[in-house]
C-alpha cells in the first residue's frame, strides 16, 4: 500500500513512492526509489544556488524508514538537507525546539503519520520511543544546517547593508560638492542622522563603524 509520495523533482510530475510495510511503524524505501533519489541529489547538488530554500527541499522528501539511513550514508557529508530529509523525514521548518510537540504530517486517510514528541528534560525528539537514537544523532546535523543557512543569510544581509552605506556616503559627498563647505555641517547631520536611523532599525555593527568613520571625515 502506498502511504505517501514525493515529487521526483520540481518540474515534472513523476513520483517517487514510499512503500508501507504491514508491520506497524516501519517504512521501507524500495531500491528503485533510492537510486532515483540519489540521482536527484546529484542533480540538485549541481544546480544548488543560494536562492534554493533548504526547507522547501526537505519538505519535498518527507521520507522515513529503517533502511533510509543506509541510503543517506552513501551521500557526501556536504549533502546536508537530503541526509536529514532521508533519515528523519522532518522538515526544517517544522523543527521547533521551543515547543513541546511537533508532527511530521497530518494523518493521511485511515493511517496516522508517526509523531515526534519533544521531551523538555532531555531536549530531544522521540519517535514512538524507537527512533530516539537516530534523532539524537541527527540533532547536531540539524543545528549545523540551521547555522549554515543563517550564515548564508547573514553574508547576504551584510552585503546589502554595506551597499546601502556606500550610497549614503556618496549622497552626502554629493551634497557637500553641490552646496559648498558652508553647508557641510548640514550634510554631516544628514549623514549621521541617516546612519543612526539605520543603526536603530538593523543593529548592524559594520554600519555603526561606517557611520563613525564617515563622521570623522567632515
C-alpha atoms as a PDB file:
ATOM      1  CA  UNK A   1       0.000   0.000   0.000  1.00  0.00           C
ATOM      2  CA  UNK A   2       1.339   3.391  -0.930  1.00  0.00           C
ATOM      3  CA  UNK A   3       1.265   5.614   2.119  1.00  0.00           C
ATOM      4  CA  UNK A   4       2.779   8.764   0.683  1.00  0.00           C
ATOM      5  CA  UNK A   5       4.566  10.162  -2.323  1.00  0.00           C
ATOM      6  CA  UNK A   6       7.011  12.918  -3.041  1.00  0.00           C
ATOM      7  CA  UNK A   7       7.897  14.692  -6.235  1.00  0.00           C
ATOM      8  CA  UNK A   8      10.835  13.282  -8.138  1.00  0.00           C
ATOM      9  CA  UNK A   9      11.873  16.801  -8.990  1.00  0.00           C
ATOM     10  CA  UNK A  10      10.428  20.286  -9.121  1.00  0.00           C
ATOM     11  CA  UNK A  11       9.483  20.306 -12.796  1.00  0.00           C
ATOM     12  CA  UNK A  12       7.680  17.142 -13.815  1.00  0.00           C
ATOM     13  CA  UNK A  13       5.006  15.104 -12.105  1.00  0.00           C
ATOM     14  CA  UNK A  14       6.796  11.784 -11.813  1.00  0.00           C
ATOM     15  CA  UNK A  15       6.526  10.353  -8.341  1.00  0.00           C
ATOM     16  CA  UNK A  16       8.865   8.503  -6.010  1.00  0.00           C
ATOM     17  CA  UNK A  17       6.908   6.140  -3.799  1.00  0.00           C
ATOM     18  CA  UNK A  18       7.457   5.168  -0.201  1.00  0.00           C
ATOM     19  CA  UNK A  19       6.153   1.671   0.484  1.00  0.00           C
ATOM     20  CA  UNK A  20       4.418   0.982   3.776  1.00  0.00           C
ATOM     21  CA  UNK A  21       5.149  -2.389   5.348  1.00  0.00           C
ATOM     22  CA  UNK A  22       2.397  -4.190   7.241  1.00  0.00           C
ATOM     23  CA  UNK A  23       4.495  -4.267  10.400  1.00  0.00           C
ATOM     24  CA  UNK A  24       3.495  -1.223  12.484  1.00  0.00           C
ATOM     25  CA  UNK A  25       5.638   1.868  12.336  1.00  0.00           C
ATOM     26  CA  UNK A  26       8.082   0.687   9.688  1.00  0.00           C
ATOM     27  CA  UNK A  27       8.522   2.296   6.294  1.00  0.00           C
ATOM     28  CA  UNK A  28      10.601   0.753   3.520  1.00  0.00           C
ATOM     29  CA  UNK A  29      12.099   2.686   0.620  1.00  0.00           C
ATOM     30  CA  UNK A  30      12.432   0.385  -2.385  1.00  0.00           C
ATOM     31  CA  UNK A  31      15.741   0.178  -4.268  1.00  0.00           C
ATOM     32  CA  UNK A  32      14.406   1.907  -7.369  1.00  0.00           C
ATOM     33  CA  UNK A  33      13.262   4.922  -5.373  1.00  0.00           C
ATOM     34  CA  UNK A  34      16.602   5.002  -3.564  1.00  0.00           C
ATOM     35  CA  UNK A  35      18.522   5.162  -6.839  1.00  0.00           C
ATOM     36  CA  UNK A  36      16.178   7.863  -8.136  1.00  0.00           C
ATOM     37  CA  UNK A  37      16.703   9.943  -5.012  1.00  0.00           C
ATOM     38  CA  UNK A  38      20.471   9.567  -5.242  1.00  0.00           C
ATOM     39  CA  UNK A  39      20.367  10.667  -8.881  1.00  0.00           C
ATOM     40  CA  UNK A  40      18.151  13.605  -7.981  1.00  0.00           C
ATOM     41  CA  UNK A  41      20.521  14.552  -5.162  1.00  0.00           C
ATOM     42  CA  UNK A  42      23.387  14.737  -7.630  1.00  0.00           C
ATOM     43  CA  UNK A  43      21.356  16.984  -9.941  1.00  0.00           C
ATOM     44  CA  UNK A  44      20.304  19.268  -7.109  1.00  0.00           C
ATOM     45  CA  UNK A  45      23.851  19.399  -5.808  1.00  0.00           C
ATOM     46  CA  UNK A  46      24.982  20.632  -9.207  1.00  0.00           C
ATOM     47  CA  UNK A  47      22.126  23.103  -9.577  1.00  0.00           C
ATOM     48  CA  UNK A  48      22.122  24.346  -5.983  1.00  0.00           C
ATOM     49  CA  UNK A  49      22.173  28.097  -5.505  1.00  0.00           C
ATOM     50  CA  UNK A  50      21.605  30.396  -2.563  1.00  0.00           C
ATOM     51  CA  UNK A  51      18.085  31.053  -3.818  1.00  0.00           C
ATOM     52  CA  UNK A  52      17.091  27.383  -3.339  1.00  0.00           C
ATOM     53  CA  UNK A  53      15.411  27.206   0.047  1.00  0.00           C
ATOM     54  CA  UNK A  54      16.622  24.280   2.131  1.00  0.00           C
ATOM     55  CA  UNK A  55      13.275  23.992   3.858  1.00  0.00           C
ATOM     56  CA  UNK A  56      11.486  23.595   0.532  1.00  0.00           C
ATOM     57  CA  UNK A  57      13.963  20.914  -0.480  1.00  0.00           C
ATOM     58  CA  UNK A  58      13.477  18.970   2.718  1.00  0.00           C
ATOM     59  CA  UNK A  59       9.707  19.239   2.593  1.00  0.00           C
ATOM     60  CA  UNK A  60       9.787  17.548  -0.817  1.00  0.00           C
ATOM     61  CA  UNK A  61      11.280  14.420   0.737  1.00  0.00           C
ATOM     62  CA  UNK A  62       9.179  13.536   3.763  1.00  0.00           C
ATOM     63  CA  UNK A  63      10.638  10.041   3.962  1.00  0.00           C
ATOM     64  CA  UNK A  64      11.172   7.867   6.987  1.00  0.00           C
ATOM     65  CA  UNK A  65      12.448   4.303   7.195  1.00  0.00           C
ATOM     66  CA  UNK A  66      14.773   1.693   8.584  1.00  0.00           C
ATOM     67  CA  UNK A  67      16.997   1.354   5.511  1.00  0.00           C
ATOM     68  CA  UNK A  68      16.955   5.030   4.572  1.00  0.00           C
ATOM     69  CA  UNK A  69      19.944   5.642   6.838  1.00  0.00           C
ATOM     70  CA  UNK A  70      21.935   3.258   4.638  1.00  0.00           C
ATOM     71  CA  UNK A  71      20.989   5.289   1.582  1.00  0.00           C
ATOM     72  CA  UNK A  72      21.989   8.517   3.304  1.00  0.00           C
ATOM     73  CA  UNK A  73      25.378   7.067   4.248  1.00  0.00           C
ATOM     74  CA  UNK A  74      26.216   6.875   0.553  1.00  0.00           C
ATOM     75  CA  UNK A  75      25.901  10.633   0.286  1.00  0.00           C
ATOM     76  CA  UNK A  76      28.801  13.014   0.939  1.00  0.00           C
ATOM     77  CA  UNK A  77      28.702  14.947   4.225  1.00  0.00           C
ATOM     78  CA  UNK A  78      28.002  18.187   2.356  1.00  0.00           C
ATOM     79  CA  UNK A  79      24.613  16.893   1.168  1.00  0.00           C
ATOM     80  CA  UNK A  80      23.102  18.114   4.400  1.00  0.00           C
ATOM     81  CA  UNK A  81      19.462  18.744   3.663  1.00  0.00           C
ATOM     82  CA  UNK A  82      18.873  15.480   1.773  1.00  0.00           C
ATOM     83  CA  UNK A  83      20.581  13.482   4.509  1.00  0.00           C
ATOM     84  CA  UNK A  84      18.312  14.925   7.165  1.00  0.00           C
ATOM     85  CA  UNK A  85      15.248  14.502   4.983  1.00  0.00           C
ATOM     86  CA  UNK A  86      16.013  10.865   4.270  1.00  0.00           C
ATOM     87  CA  UNK A  87      16.882   9.879   7.814  1.00  0.00           C
ATOM     88  CA  UNK A  88      14.405  11.929   9.824  1.00  0.00           C
ATOM     89  CA  UNK A  89      11.599  12.732   7.413  1.00  0.00           C
ATOM     90  CA  UNK A  90      11.284  16.046   9.199  1.00  0.00           C
ATOM     91  CA  UNK A  91      11.149  19.431   7.502  1.00  0.00           C
ATOM     92  CA  UNK A  92      13.497  22.083   8.846  1.00  0.00           C
ATOM     93  CA  UNK A  93      10.583  24.467   9.105  1.00  0.00           C
ATOM     94  CA  UNK A  94       8.835  22.004  11.423  1.00  0.00           C
ATOM     95  CA  UNK A  95      11.707  21.722  13.904  1.00  0.00           C
ATOM     96  CA  UNK A  96      10.736  23.946  16.827  1.00  0.00           C
ATOM     97  CA  UNK A  97      12.965  23.390  19.842  1.00  0.00           C
ATOM     98  CA  UNK A  98      10.854  25.729  21.973  1.00  0.00           C
ATOM     99  CA  UNK A  99       7.656  23.717  21.561  1.00  0.00           C
ATOM    100  CA  UNK A 100       6.717  20.534  23.316  1.00  0.00           C
ATOM    101  CA  UNK A 101       5.319  18.684  20.312  1.00  0.00           C
ATOM    102  CA  UNK A 102       5.834  18.638  16.569  1.00  0.00           C
ATOM    103  CA  UNK A 103       4.318  16.430  13.901  1.00  0.00           C
ATOM    104  CA  UNK A 104       5.739  15.326  10.581  1.00  0.00           C
ATOM    105  CA  UNK A 105       2.478  15.362   8.666  1.00  0.00           C
ATOM    106  CA  UNK A 106      -1.216  15.301   9.297  1.00  0.00           C
ATOM    107  CA  UNK A 107      -2.994  11.985   9.113  1.00  0.00           C
ATOM    108  CA  UNK A 108      -3.422  10.612   5.616  1.00  0.00           C
ATOM    109  CA  UNK A 109      -6.533   8.508   5.200  1.00  0.00           C
ATOM    110  CA  UNK A 110      -7.063   5.952   7.918  1.00  0.00           C
ATOM    111  CA  UNK A 111      -3.391   5.733   8.918  1.00  0.00           C
ATOM    112  CA  UNK A 112      -1.635   8.339  11.059  1.00  0.00           C
ATOM    113  CA  UNK A 113       1.856   9.581  10.399  1.00  0.00           C
ATOM    114  CA  UNK A 114       4.356   8.987  13.242  1.00  0.00           C
ATOM    115  CA  UNK A 115       4.668  11.771  15.776  1.00  0.00           C
ATOM    116  CA  UNK A 116       7.844  13.385  17.024  1.00  0.00           C
ATOM    117  CA  UNK A 117       7.414  14.073  20.742  1.00  0.00           C
ATOM    118  CA  UNK A 118       9.677  16.697  22.290  1.00  0.00           C
ATOM    119  CA  UNK A 119      10.885  15.988  25.800  1.00  0.00           C
ATOM    120  CA  UNK A 120      11.814  19.053  27.824  1.00  0.00           C
ATOM    121  CA  UNK A 121      14.218  17.283  30.162  1.00  0.00           C
ATOM    122  CA  UNK A 122      16.306  15.537  27.524  1.00  0.00           C
ATOM    123  CA  UNK A 123      15.837  18.126  24.799  1.00  0.00           C
ATOM    124  CA  UNK A 124      15.337  15.638  22.019  1.00  0.00           C
ATOM    125  CA  UNK A 125      12.670  14.284  19.704  1.00  0.00           C
ATOM    126  CA  UNK A 126      11.441  10.737  20.171  1.00  0.00           C
ATOM    127  CA  UNK A 127       9.512   8.839  17.508  1.00  0.00           C
ATOM    128  CA  UNK A 128       7.323   6.338  19.306  1.00  0.00           C
ATOM    129  CA  UNK A 129      10.323   5.789  21.624  1.00  0.00           C
ATOM    130  CA  UNK A 130      12.044   3.743  18.918  1.00  0.00           C
ATOM    131  CA  UNK A 131      13.821   6.388  16.877  1.00  0.00           C
ATOM    132  CA  UNK A 132      15.384   8.307  19.758  1.00  0.00           C
ATOM    133  CA  UNK A 133      18.915   7.202  18.967  1.00  0.00           C
ATOM    134  CA  UNK A 134      18.576   8.189  15.304  1.00  0.00           C
ATOM    135  CA  UNK A 135      17.169  11.600  16.170  1.00  0.00           C
ATOM    136  CA  UNK A 136      19.887  12.178  18.769  1.00  0.00           C
ATOM    137  CA  UNK A 137      22.464  11.572  16.077  1.00  0.00           C
ATOM    138  CA  UNK A 138      20.664  13.974  13.747  1.00  0.00           C
ATOM    139  CA  UNK A 139      20.252  16.906  16.128  1.00  0.00           C
ATOM    140  CA  UNK A 140      23.849  18.183  15.700  1.00  0.00           C
ATOM    141  CA  UNK A 141      23.485  17.929  11.923  1.00  0.00           C
ATOM    142  CA  UNK A 142      20.194  19.828  12.043  1.00  0.00           C
ATOM    143  CA  UNK A 143      21.820  22.527  14.161  1.00  0.00           C
ATOM    144  CA  UNK A 144      24.685  22.719  11.667  1.00  0.00           C
ATOM    145  CA  UNK A 145      22.228  23.143   8.798  1.00  0.00           C
ATOM    146  CA  UNK A 146      20.452  25.938  10.626  1.00  0.00           C
ATOM    147  CA  UNK A 147      23.738  27.721  11.286  1.00  0.00           C
ATOM    148  CA  UNK A 148      24.735  27.134   7.650  1.00  0.00           C
ATOM    149  CA  UNK A 149      21.529  28.773   6.421  1.00  0.00           C
ATOM    150  CA  UNK A 150      21.861  31.638   8.884  1.00  0.00           C
ATOM    151  CA  UNK A 151      25.447  32.167   7.776  1.00  0.00           C
ATOM    152  CA  UNK A 152      24.431  32.486   4.140  1.00  0.00           C
ATOM    153  CA  UNK A 153      21.629  34.875   5.043  1.00  0.00           C
ATOM    154  CA  UNK A 154      23.970  36.938   7.224  1.00  0.00           C
ATOM    155  CA  UNK A 155      26.531  37.286   4.450  1.00  0.00           C
ATOM    156  CA  UNK A 156      23.878  38.494   2.038  1.00  0.00           C
ATOM    157  CA  UNK A 157      22.495  40.842   4.697  1.00  0.00           C
ATOM    158  CA  UNK A 158      25.894  42.420   5.404  1.00  0.00           C
ATOM    159  CA  UNK A 159      26.489  42.809   1.679  1.00  0.00           C
ATOM    160  CA  UNK A 160      23.202  44.711   1.312  1.00  0.00           C
ATOM    161  CA  UNK A 161      23.918  46.969   4.270  1.00  0.00           C
ATOM    162  CA  UNK A 162      27.402  47.802   3.031  1.00  0.00           C
ATOM    163  CA  UNK A 163      25.934  48.751  -0.329  1.00  0.00           C
ATOM    164  CA  UNK A 164      23.406  50.951   1.448  1.00  0.00           C
ATOM    165  CA  UNK A 165      26.141  52.622   3.491  1.00  0.00           C
ATOM    166  CA  UNK A 166      28.110  53.362   0.314  1.00  0.00           C
ATOM    167  CA  UNK A 167      25.051  55.020  -1.184  1.00  0.00           C
ATOM    168  CA  UNK A 168      24.643  57.201   1.912  1.00  0.00           C
ATOM    169  CA  UNK A 169      28.294  58.192   1.706  1.00  0.00           C
ATOM    170  CA  UNK A 170      28.014  59.047  -1.987  1.00  0.00           C
ATOM    171  CA  UNK A 171      24.863  61.113  -1.458  1.00  0.00           C
ATOM    172  CA  UNK A 172      26.453  63.000   1.425  1.00  0.00           C
ATOM    173  CA  UNK A 173      29.581  63.871  -0.534  1.00  0.00           C
ATOM    174  CA  UNK A 174      27.435  64.957  -3.479  1.00  0.00           C
ATOM    175  CA  UNK A 175      25.521  67.235  -1.094  1.00  0.00           C
ATOM    176  CA  UNK A 176      28.789  68.849   0.055  1.00  0.00           C
ATOM    177  CA  UNK A 177      30.001  69.376  -3.505  1.00  0.00           C
ATOM    178  CA  UNK A 178      26.708  70.874  -4.577  1.00  0.00           C
ATOM    179  CA  UNK A 179      26.107  73.186  -1.623  1.00  0.00           C
ATOM    180  CA  UNK A 180      29.675  74.010  -0.676  1.00  0.00           C
ATOM    181  CA  UNK A 181      31.554  73.741   2.592  1.00  0.00           C
ATOM    182  CA  UNK A 182      29.348  76.242   4.360  1.00  0.00           C
ATOM    183  CA  UNK A 183      26.626  73.614   4.451  1.00  0.00           C
ATOM    184  CA  UNK A 184      28.917  70.772   5.350  1.00  0.00           C
ATOM    185  CA  UNK A 185      27.556  70.774   8.895  1.00  0.00           C
ATOM    186  CA  UNK A 186      24.074  70.193   7.496  1.00  0.00           C
ATOM    187  CA  UNK A 187      25.419  67.385   5.348  1.00  0.00           C
ATOM    188  CA  UNK A 188      27.160  65.886   8.355  1.00  0.00           C
ATOM    189  CA  UNK A 189      23.930  65.923  10.340  1.00  0.00           C
ATOM    190  CA  UNK A 190      22.122  64.341   7.399  1.00  0.00           C
ATOM    191  CA  UNK A 191      24.679  61.559   7.197  1.00  0.00           C
ATOM    192  CA  UNK A 192      24.800  60.856  10.927  1.00  0.00           C
ATOM    193  CA  UNK A 193      21.011  61.007  11.210  1.00  0.00           C
ATOM    194  CA  UNK A 194      20.564  58.549   8.366  1.00  0.00           C
ATOM    195  CA  UNK A 195      23.086  56.144   9.812  1.00  0.00           C
ATOM    196  CA  UNK A 196      21.522  56.414  13.261  1.00  0.00           C
ATOM    197  CA  UNK A 197      18.108  55.584  11.870  1.00  0.00           C
ATOM    198  CA  UNK A 198      19.521  52.608  10.026  1.00  0.00           C
ATOM    199  CA  UNK A 199      21.516  51.504  13.047  1.00  0.00           C
ATOM    200  CA  UNK A 200      18.443  51.560  15.257  1.00  0.00           C
ATOM    201  CA  UNK A 201      16.482  49.579  12.719  1.00  0.00           C
ATOM    202  CA  UNK A 202      19.004  46.909  11.774  1.00  0.00           C
ATOM    203  CA  UNK A 203      21.556  46.995  14.610  1.00  0.00           C
ATOM    204  CA  UNK A 204      24.416  46.363  12.259  1.00  0.00           C
ATOM    205  CA  UNK A 205      27.902  46.693  13.724  1.00  0.00           C
ATOM    206  CA  UNK A 206      29.502  47.377  10.351  1.00  0.00           C
ATOM    207  CA  UNK A 207      27.172  50.267   9.595  1.00  0.00           C
ATOM    208  CA  UNK A 208      27.876  51.723  13.017  1.00  0.00           C
ATOM    209  CA  UNK A 209      31.608  51.638  12.333  1.00  0.00           C
ATOM    210  CA  UNK A 210      30.998  53.109   8.888  1.00  0.00           C
ATOM    211  CA  UNK A 211      28.988  55.973  10.358  1.00  0.00           C
ATOM    212  CA  UNK A 212      31.785  56.724  12.832  1.00  0.00           C
ATOM    213  CA  UNK A 213      34.398  56.821  10.098  1.00  0.00           C
ATOM    214  CA  UNK A 214      32.284  58.990   7.811  1.00  0.00           C
ATOM    215  CA  UNK A 215      31.536  61.389  10.635  1.00  0.00           C
ATOM    216  CA  UNK A 216      35.258  61.818  11.258  1.00  0.00           C
ATOM    217  CA  UNK A 217      35.783  62.853   7.624  1.00  0.00           C
ATOM    218  CA  UNK A 218      33.727  66.034   7.978  1.00  0.00           C
END
